[in-house]
Protein backbone atom coordinates (compact mmCIF):
# COMPACT_ATOMS: atom_id res chain seq x y z
CA MET A 1 -8.65 11.06 -151.26
CA LYS A 2 -11.95 9.99 -149.71
CA LYS A 3 -11.69 12.54 -146.93
CA THR A 4 -10.88 15.26 -149.43
CA LEU A 5 -13.91 14.49 -151.58
CA THR A 6 -16.19 14.28 -148.54
CA ALA A 7 -14.91 17.61 -147.24
CA LEU A 8 -15.36 19.17 -150.69
CA ALA A 9 -18.94 17.90 -150.94
CA THR A 10 -19.72 19.19 -147.45
CA ALA A 11 -18.23 22.60 -148.24
CA ALA A 12 -20.24 22.81 -151.47
CA THR A 13 -23.43 21.88 -149.62
CA LEU A 14 -22.82 24.52 -146.94
CA ALA A 15 -22.01 27.15 -149.57
CA VAL A 16 -25.23 26.49 -151.46
CA ALA A 17 -27.19 26.47 -148.20
CA ALA A 18 -25.67 29.80 -147.17
CA VAL A 19 -26.68 31.36 -150.47
CA ALA A 20 -30.18 29.86 -150.44
CA VAL A 21 -31.08 30.63 -146.81
CA PRO A 22 -31.12 34.50 -146.86
CA GLN A 23 -34.08 34.61 -149.26
CA GLN A 24 -37.41 35.71 -147.90
CA ALA A 25 -39.82 32.99 -146.87
CA GLU A 26 -42.12 32.77 -149.87
CA ALA A 27 -43.88 29.70 -151.11
CA ARG A 28 -42.80 30.21 -154.73
CA GLY A 29 -39.00 30.69 -154.44
CA GLY A 30 -37.64 27.77 -152.39
CA ALA A 31 -38.27 24.82 -154.70
CA VAL A 32 -35.13 25.24 -156.80
CA ALA A 33 -32.88 25.88 -153.81
CA ALA A 34 -34.32 22.91 -151.94
CA GLY A 35 -33.76 20.70 -154.99
CA ILE A 36 -30.15 21.82 -155.31
CA ILE A 37 -29.42 21.37 -151.61
CA GLY A 38 -31.16 18.00 -151.52
CA GLY A 39 -29.31 16.82 -154.63
CA LEU A 40 -25.94 17.86 -153.26
CA ALA A 41 -26.63 16.25 -149.90
CA ALA A 42 -27.85 13.03 -151.49
CA GLY A 43 -24.83 12.98 -153.80
CA ALA A 44 -22.46 13.47 -150.89
CA ILE A 45 -24.10 10.68 -148.88
CA ILE A 46 -24.23 8.23 -151.80
CA GLY A 47 -20.68 9.08 -152.89
CA SER A 48 -19.36 8.66 -149.38
CA ALA A 49 -21.09 5.30 -149.01
CA ALA A 50 -19.84 4.09 -152.40
CA ALA A 51 -16.26 5.19 -151.76
CA HIS A 52 -15.82 2.99 -148.69
CA GLY A 53 -15.04 -0.65 -149.30
CA PRO A 54 -15.91 -3.50 -146.99
CA TYR A 55 -13.92 -3.58 -143.80
CA TYR A 56 -14.32 -7.32 -143.19
CA TYR A 57 -13.31 -9.82 -145.83
CA GLY A 58 -14.29 -12.97 -144.00
CA PRO A 59 -12.26 -15.76 -142.47
CA ALA A 60 -9.01 -16.67 -144.14
CA TYR A 61 -6.52 -19.45 -143.53
CA TYR A 62 -2.89 -18.93 -144.26
CA GLY A 63 -1.10 -22.24 -143.97
CA PRO A 64 2.60 -22.85 -143.97
CA GLY A 65 4.51 -22.32 -147.18
CA PRO A 66 5.62 -25.16 -149.43
CA VAL A 67 8.44 -27.32 -148.16
CA TYR A 68 10.83 -28.96 -150.57
CA TYR A 69 12.72 -31.99 -149.32
CA GLY A 70 15.39 -32.66 -151.87
CA PRO A 71 19.11 -32.99 -151.95
CA ALA A 72 20.99 -30.14 -150.34
CA CYS A 73 22.58 -28.49 -153.37
CA TYR A 74 24.67 -25.39 -153.74
CA TRP A 75 26.61 -23.57 -156.44
CA THR A 76 30.37 -23.15 -156.33
CA HIS A 77 33.30 -22.37 -158.64
CA GLU A 78 35.61 -25.05 -159.93
CA ARG A 79 38.95 -24.67 -161.64
CA PHE A 80 39.62 -26.95 -164.63
CA TRP A 81 42.25 -27.44 -167.30
CA ASN A 82 41.02 -27.36 -170.91
CA GLY A 83 44.29 -28.55 -172.42
CA TRP A 84 45.67 -25.07 -172.98
CA ARG A 85 45.12 -23.14 -169.78
CA TRP A 86 43.20 -23.07 -166.50
CA HIS A 87 39.55 -21.86 -166.50
CA TRP A 88 36.86 -21.32 -163.88
CA ARG A 89 33.29 -22.56 -164.18
CA ARG A 90 30.24 -22.69 -161.95
CA VAL A 91 29.15 -26.15 -160.90
CA ARG A 92 26.24 -27.40 -158.83
CA VAL A 93 27.20 -29.70 -155.98
CA CYS A 94 24.55 -31.91 -154.37
CA ASN A 95 25.06 -34.06 -151.28
């Protein structure tokens, strides 16, 4: 996206410059064209500078992740009798 906008601003600047340049060299006719070209160039430079973020974010430390030392538990299925028939249920088994 940044490259597209920069290319678009450059193309617009060159298009305005191409239209403004063929005029005859007179002291009274170049002020408006110079203002437009200068404004487009300044806008392209400022926009390009504002679009780029910082490349260096400073030092960072990424330590090891959290470690949990607890009982080794796991889930399993257990078959049980409820008085009428056999059922299955999930139970947690810890060593």
